[in-house]
N, C-alpha and C. Protein backbone atom coordinates (compact mmCIF):
# COMPACT_ATOMS: atom_id res chain seq x y z
N MET A 1 -7.18 18.07 -12.06
CA MET A 1 -5.90 17.45 -12.04
C MET A 1 -5.67 16.78 -10.70
N ALA A 2 -5.03 15.60 -10.77
CA ALA A 2 -4.65 14.92 -9.56
C ALA A 2 -3.16 14.99 -9.38
N ILE A 3 -2.68 15.10 -8.08
CA ILE A 3 -1.30 15.10 -7.79
C ILE A 3 -1.19 13.72 -7.07
N HIS A 4 -0.47 12.78 -7.57
CA HIS A 4 -0.35 11.48 -6.85
C HIS A 4 0.99 11.43 -6.08
N LEU A 5 0.98 11.08 -4.90
CA LEU A 5 2.10 10.79 -4.02
C LEU A 5 2.38 9.40 -3.88
N HIS A 6 3.66 9.01 -4.00
CA HIS A 6 4.14 7.67 -3.77
C HIS A 6 3.61 7.18 -2.45
N ALA A 7 3.15 6.01 -2.32
CA ALA A 7 2.59 5.54 -1.08
C ALA A 7 3.50 5.54 0.08
N GLY A 8 3.02 6.06 1.18
CA GLY A 8 3.76 5.95 2.46
C GLY A 8 4.85 7.09 2.52
N ARG A 9 4.76 8.13 1.66
CA ARG A 9 5.79 9.14 1.79
C ARG A 9 5.24 10.40 2.25
N SER A 10 4.92 10.39 3.61
CA SER A 10 4.26 11.53 4.23
C SER A 10 5.13 12.88 4.11
N GLN A 11 6.44 12.74 4.00
CA GLN A 11 7.25 13.91 3.88
C GLN A 11 6.95 14.69 2.60
N LEU A 12 6.16 14.08 1.70
CA LEU A 12 5.84 14.79 0.45
C LEU A 12 4.46 15.59 0.64
N ASP A 13 3.82 15.28 1.70
CA ASP A 13 2.45 15.95 1.89
C ASP A 13 2.53 17.51 1.73
N PRO A 14 3.49 18.22 2.40
CA PRO A 14 3.56 19.66 2.28
C PRO A 14 3.86 20.11 0.99
N ILE A 15 4.78 19.40 0.21
CA ILE A 15 5.07 19.78 -1.13
C ILE A 15 3.91 19.59 -2.05
N ALA A 16 3.20 18.43 -2.00
CA ALA A 16 2.03 18.23 -2.86
C ALA A 16 1.00 19.19 -2.54
N GLY A 17 0.75 19.40 -1.30
CA GLY A 17 -0.30 20.38 -0.91
C GLY A 17 -0.01 21.82 -1.37
N ALA A 18 1.24 22.25 -1.44
CA ALA A 18 1.63 23.62 -1.86
C ALA A 18 1.58 23.56 -3.27
N LEU A 19 1.86 22.46 -4.08
CA LEU A 19 1.69 22.46 -5.51
C LEU A 19 0.13 22.62 -5.92
N ALA A 20 -0.60 21.86 -5.25
CA ALA A 20 -2.07 21.79 -5.49
C ALA A 20 -2.61 23.23 -5.21
N GLU A 21 -2.15 23.87 -4.13
CA GLU A 21 -2.55 25.13 -3.82
C GLU A 21 -2.24 26.22 -4.89
N ARG A 22 -0.95 26.18 -5.39
CA ARG A 22 -0.45 27.05 -6.39
C ARG A 22 -1.25 26.82 -7.70
N LEU A 23 -1.48 25.58 -8.07
CA LEU A 23 -2.20 25.34 -9.31
C LEU A 23 -3.58 25.87 -9.21
N CYS A 24 -4.29 25.67 -8.02
CA CYS A 24 -5.60 26.30 -7.85
C CYS A 24 -5.54 27.79 -7.94
N ALA A 25 -4.54 28.37 -7.45
CA ALA A 25 -4.44 29.90 -7.56
C ALA A 25 -4.35 30.36 -9.02
N TRP A 26 -3.80 29.41 -9.86
CA TRP A 26 -3.62 29.71 -11.33
C TRP A 26 -4.88 29.31 -12.03
N GLY A 27 -5.87 28.87 -11.33
CA GLY A 27 -7.14 28.56 -12.05
C GLY A 27 -7.30 27.05 -12.45
N VAL A 28 -6.30 26.20 -11.96
CA VAL A 28 -6.34 24.79 -12.34
C VAL A 28 -6.94 24.07 -11.09
N GLU A 29 -7.92 23.36 -11.31
CA GLU A 29 -8.55 22.52 -10.21
C GLU A 29 -7.59 21.32 -9.96
N ALA A 30 -7.01 21.35 -8.65
CA ALA A 30 -5.95 20.21 -8.32
C ALA A 30 -6.25 19.74 -6.95
N HIS A 31 -6.09 18.41 -6.86
CA HIS A 31 -6.27 17.74 -5.60
C HIS A 31 -5.14 16.75 -5.41
N VAL A 32 -4.77 16.47 -4.07
CA VAL A 32 -3.84 15.53 -3.79
C VAL A 32 -4.47 14.10 -3.53
N HIS A 33 -4.03 13.14 -4.24
CA HIS A 33 -4.55 11.74 -4.00
C HIS A 33 -3.40 10.78 -3.83
N ARG A 34 -3.50 9.82 -2.96
CA ARG A 34 -2.64 8.70 -2.91
C ARG A 34 -3.40 7.53 -3.71
N ALA A 35 -3.22 7.61 -4.97
CA ALA A 35 -3.99 6.67 -5.89
C ALA A 35 -3.47 5.32 -6.00
N LEU A 36 -2.13 5.14 -5.72
CA LEU A 36 -1.53 3.84 -5.96
C LEU A 36 -0.99 3.43 -4.65
N GLU A 37 -0.77 2.07 -4.62
CA GLU A 37 -0.15 1.45 -3.49
C GLU A 37 0.82 0.37 -4.02
N VAL A 38 1.83 0.09 -3.19
CA VAL A 38 2.81 -0.92 -3.42
C VAL A 38 2.43 -2.15 -2.62
N ARG A 39 2.33 -3.35 -3.24
CA ARG A 39 1.84 -4.51 -2.53
C ARG A 39 2.85 -5.68 -2.79
N HIS A 40 2.99 -6.41 -1.63
CA HIS A 40 3.80 -7.67 -1.70
C HIS A 40 5.29 -7.52 -2.12
N ILE A 41 5.84 -6.44 -1.62
CA ILE A 41 7.33 -6.33 -1.81
C ILE A 41 7.95 -6.31 -0.50
N ARG A 42 8.87 -7.20 -0.30
CA ARG A 42 9.47 -7.31 1.03
C ARG A 42 10.86 -6.81 1.14
N THR A 43 11.42 -6.40 0.07
CA THR A 43 12.82 -5.84 0.10
C THR A 43 12.81 -4.44 -0.16
N LYS A 44 13.72 -3.79 0.34
CA LYS A 44 13.87 -2.34 0.06
C LYS A 44 14.68 -2.11 -1.22
N SER A 45 14.30 -0.97 -1.92
CA SER A 45 15.09 -0.76 -3.22
C SER A 45 16.56 -0.69 -3.02
N VAL A 46 17.05 -0.20 -1.90
CA VAL A 46 18.41 0.00 -1.66
C VAL A 46 19.10 -1.39 -1.50
N GLN A 47 18.35 -2.41 -1.34
CA GLN A 47 18.88 -3.82 -1.18
C GLN A 47 19.04 -4.45 -2.50
N THR A 48 18.53 -3.81 -3.54
CA THR A 48 18.55 -4.38 -4.93
C THR A 48 19.76 -3.69 -5.61
N ALA A 49 20.67 -4.43 -6.13
CA ALA A 49 21.95 -4.00 -6.74
C ALA A 49 21.81 -3.30 -8.02
N SER A 50 20.94 -3.79 -8.90
CA SER A 50 20.95 -3.29 -10.32
C SER A 50 19.74 -2.62 -10.67
N ALA A 51 19.73 -1.79 -11.73
CA ALA A 51 18.55 -1.17 -12.29
C ALA A 51 17.52 -2.23 -12.68
N ARG A 52 17.99 -3.24 -13.30
CA ARG A 52 17.18 -4.35 -13.77
C ARG A 52 16.43 -4.96 -12.65
N GLY A 53 17.20 -5.25 -11.50
CA GLY A 53 16.62 -5.83 -10.40
C GLY A 53 15.56 -4.99 -9.65
N ARG A 54 15.81 -3.61 -9.70
CA ARG A 54 14.85 -2.82 -9.21
C ARG A 54 13.55 -2.80 -10.03
N ARG A 55 13.76 -2.77 -11.37
CA ARG A 55 12.53 -2.89 -12.28
C ARG A 55 11.74 -4.12 -12.07
N GLU A 56 12.46 -5.27 -11.93
CA GLU A 56 11.75 -6.48 -11.66
C GLU A 56 11.15 -6.57 -10.31
N ARG A 57 11.73 -5.86 -9.27
CA ARG A 57 11.15 -5.75 -7.93
C ARG A 57 9.85 -5.19 -7.88
N VAL A 58 9.64 -4.07 -8.72
CA VAL A 58 8.28 -3.34 -8.60
C VAL A 58 7.30 -3.71 -9.68
N THR A 59 7.78 -4.35 -10.83
CA THR A 59 6.76 -4.70 -11.92
C THR A 59 5.73 -5.59 -11.37
N GLY A 60 4.46 -5.13 -11.62
CA GLY A 60 3.24 -5.88 -11.19
C GLY A 60 2.93 -5.60 -9.69
N HIS A 61 3.68 -4.91 -8.95
CA HIS A 61 3.37 -4.75 -7.50
C HIS A 61 2.84 -3.37 -7.17
N ILE A 62 2.68 -2.53 -8.12
CA ILE A 62 2.14 -1.29 -7.93
C ILE A 62 0.67 -1.25 -8.59
N ARG A 63 -0.31 -0.89 -7.75
CA ARG A 63 -1.77 -0.90 -8.32
C ARG A 63 -2.45 0.10 -7.57
N CYS A 64 -3.73 0.32 -8.11
CA CYS A 64 -4.68 1.31 -7.65
C CYS A 64 -5.02 0.87 -6.21
N ARG A 65 -5.09 1.90 -5.30
CA ARG A 65 -5.64 1.56 -3.98
C ARG A 65 -7.12 1.20 -4.04
N ASN A 66 -7.54 0.36 -3.16
CA ASN A 66 -8.91 0.04 -3.05
C ASN A 66 -9.73 1.31 -2.69
N GLY A 67 -10.77 1.43 -3.42
CA GLY A 67 -11.65 2.66 -3.20
C GLY A 67 -11.07 3.99 -3.82
N VAL A 68 -9.84 4.01 -4.33
CA VAL A 68 -9.40 5.25 -4.99
C VAL A 68 -9.27 4.92 -6.45
N ARG A 69 -10.05 5.59 -7.25
CA ARG A 69 -9.90 5.43 -8.78
C ARG A 69 -10.13 6.87 -9.32
N LEU A 70 -9.08 7.27 -9.94
CA LEU A 70 -9.22 8.62 -10.58
C LEU A 70 -10.04 8.50 -11.81
N PRO A 71 -10.78 9.48 -12.07
CA PRO A 71 -11.63 9.47 -13.29
C PRO A 71 -10.75 9.40 -14.52
N ALA A 72 -11.17 8.58 -15.46
CA ALA A 72 -10.31 8.39 -16.68
C ALA A 72 -10.16 9.74 -17.39
N GLY A 73 -9.01 10.00 -17.88
CA GLY A 73 -8.73 11.26 -18.48
C GLY A 73 -8.24 12.32 -17.61
N MET A 74 -8.39 12.15 -16.37
CA MET A 74 -7.86 13.18 -15.37
C MET A 74 -6.35 13.16 -15.44
N PRO A 75 -5.68 14.32 -15.74
CA PRO A 75 -4.28 14.47 -15.81
C PRO A 75 -3.64 14.28 -14.42
N VAL A 76 -2.45 13.86 -14.31
CA VAL A 76 -1.87 13.54 -13.07
C VAL A 76 -0.37 14.06 -13.07
N ILE A 77 0.08 14.46 -11.89
CA ILE A 77 1.50 14.73 -11.71
C ILE A 77 1.87 13.82 -10.57
N VAL A 78 2.92 13.05 -10.76
CA VAL A 78 3.49 12.03 -9.87
C VAL A 78 4.60 12.59 -9.04
N ILE A 79 4.59 12.46 -7.78
CA ILE A 79 5.72 12.92 -6.90
C ILE A 79 6.22 11.79 -5.99
N ASP A 80 7.56 11.67 -6.00
CA ASP A 80 8.16 10.62 -5.19
C ASP A 80 9.29 11.26 -4.58
N ASP A 81 9.83 10.60 -3.37
CA ASP A 81 10.89 11.29 -2.64
C ASP A 81 12.27 11.12 -3.26
N ILE A 82 12.60 9.85 -3.58
CA ILE A 82 13.93 9.54 -4.09
C ILE A 82 13.88 8.76 -5.37
N VAL A 83 14.59 9.13 -6.30
CA VAL A 83 14.61 8.28 -7.59
C VAL A 83 16.08 7.81 -7.72
N THR A 84 16.24 6.49 -7.82
CA THR A 84 17.51 5.91 -8.00
C THR A 84 17.58 5.41 -9.44
N SER A 85 16.90 4.41 -9.74
CA SER A 85 16.95 3.93 -11.09
C SER A 85 15.73 4.45 -11.94
N GLY A 86 14.69 4.91 -11.31
CA GLY A 86 13.52 5.33 -11.93
C GLY A 86 12.45 4.22 -12.12
N ALA A 87 12.75 3.02 -11.58
CA ALA A 87 11.79 1.93 -11.93
C ALA A 87 10.46 2.09 -11.24
N THR A 88 10.42 2.57 -9.99
CA THR A 88 9.16 2.83 -9.32
C THR A 88 8.38 3.94 -9.96
N MET A 89 8.98 4.94 -10.30
CA MET A 89 8.39 6.14 -11.00
C MET A 89 7.77 5.55 -12.23
N ARG A 90 8.53 4.87 -13.06
CA ARG A 90 8.02 4.39 -14.38
C ARG A 90 6.86 3.41 -14.13
N GLU A 91 6.93 2.56 -13.14
CA GLU A 91 5.84 1.67 -12.89
C GLU A 91 4.58 2.46 -12.47
N CYS A 92 4.75 3.57 -11.69
CA CYS A 92 3.59 4.33 -11.20
C CYS A 92 2.97 4.92 -12.49
N ILE A 93 3.76 5.57 -13.34
CA ILE A 93 3.34 6.16 -14.54
C ILE A 93 2.61 5.15 -15.47
N ASP A 94 3.15 3.95 -15.64
CA ASP A 94 2.53 2.98 -16.46
C ASP A 94 1.15 2.57 -15.89
N VAL A 95 1.00 2.37 -14.62
CA VAL A 95 -0.23 2.11 -14.00
C VAL A 95 -1.30 3.17 -14.23
N LEU A 96 -0.90 4.39 -13.99
CA LEU A 96 -1.81 5.50 -14.12
C LEU A 96 -2.33 5.63 -15.63
N ARG A 97 -1.31 5.53 -16.51
CA ARG A 97 -1.65 5.63 -17.90
C ARG A 97 -2.61 4.45 -18.38
N ALA A 98 -2.34 3.21 -17.87
CA ALA A 98 -3.11 2.07 -18.19
C ALA A 98 -4.63 2.25 -17.75
N GLN A 99 -4.78 3.15 -16.63
CA GLN A 99 -6.22 3.34 -16.15
C GLN A 99 -6.83 4.55 -16.90
N GLY A 100 -5.99 5.15 -17.81
CA GLY A 100 -6.59 6.22 -18.63
C GLY A 100 -6.28 7.68 -18.14
N ASN A 101 -5.11 7.76 -17.30
CA ASN A 101 -4.78 9.07 -16.80
C ASN A 101 -3.50 9.52 -17.33
N PRO A 102 -3.47 10.63 -18.23
CA PRO A 102 -2.32 11.11 -18.77
C PRO A 102 -1.39 11.60 -17.55
N VAL A 103 -0.15 11.32 -17.65
CA VAL A 103 0.82 11.95 -16.61
C VAL A 103 1.57 13.12 -17.24
N LEU A 104 1.35 14.26 -16.63
CA LEU A 104 1.92 15.53 -17.21
C LEU A 104 3.38 15.71 -16.76
N ALA A 105 3.69 15.29 -15.57
CA ALA A 105 4.96 15.47 -14.97
C ALA A 105 5.20 14.43 -13.96
N ALA A 106 6.53 14.19 -13.66
CA ALA A 106 6.90 13.36 -12.52
C ALA A 106 8.10 14.05 -11.86
N LEU A 107 7.88 14.31 -10.60
CA LEU A 107 8.86 15.06 -9.77
C LEU A 107 9.40 14.19 -8.63
N ALA A 108 10.67 14.54 -8.32
CA ALA A 108 11.37 13.81 -7.24
C ALA A 108 12.12 14.91 -6.42
N LEU A 109 12.12 14.60 -5.12
CA LEU A 109 12.93 15.46 -4.17
C LEU A 109 14.52 15.23 -4.49
N ALA A 110 14.85 13.98 -4.81
CA ALA A 110 16.24 13.78 -4.89
C ALA A 110 16.55 12.65 -5.90
N HIS A 111 17.61 12.72 -6.63
CA HIS A 111 18.01 11.68 -7.52
C HIS A 111 19.40 11.12 -6.95
N THR A 112 19.33 9.94 -6.64
CA THR A 112 20.58 9.21 -6.13
C THR A 112 20.95 8.03 -7.03
N PRO A 113 21.74 8.33 -8.09
CA PRO A 113 22.01 7.27 -9.06
C PRO A 113 22.75 6.11 -8.34
N PRO A 114 22.54 4.84 -8.72
CA PRO A 114 23.28 3.77 -8.13
C PRO A 114 24.80 3.99 -8.34
N ARG A 115 25.44 3.54 -7.29
CA ARG A 115 26.94 3.60 -7.38
C ARG A 115 27.56 2.67 -8.33
N ALA A 116 28.60 3.11 -9.03
CA ALA A 116 29.26 2.12 -9.96
C ALA A 116 29.94 1.09 -9.21
N PRO A 117 29.98 -0.07 -9.80
CA PRO A 117 30.69 -1.16 -9.11
C PRO A 117 32.17 -0.81 -8.79
N GLU A 118 32.61 -1.11 -7.60
CA GLU A 118 33.96 -0.77 -7.21
C GLU A 118 34.93 -1.58 -8.06
N GLN A 119 35.96 -0.98 -8.42
CA GLN A 119 36.96 -1.60 -9.24
C GLN A 119 38.20 -1.89 -8.34
N SER A 120 38.74 -3.17 -8.53
CA SER A 120 39.86 -3.49 -7.68
C SER A 120 41.22 -3.28 -8.39
């Protein structure tokens, strides 16, 4: 089993390592991989106002890292730090599934739903 961390999120390293360690203690072979990367995105998700805009921002920009290819069929757990609209998490899952890796679970440290538009 692979545990994928969202690219550039080093704060997740201890959590992913502890999860892999616990799975191994339960007899499940588990390793931490940074299998995917985000490319050619110049804006931050917090700068994107809508869920649709966040989805459009990441679609097609998450792909397998050069040199990192998980074996087809290897189950994966995806971990990200913050989920707002879920667009990045969904895109990571879609890319992993497209390369033949079933995603067993997706975990996030925090969920921060977008704020409702202010009413005047």
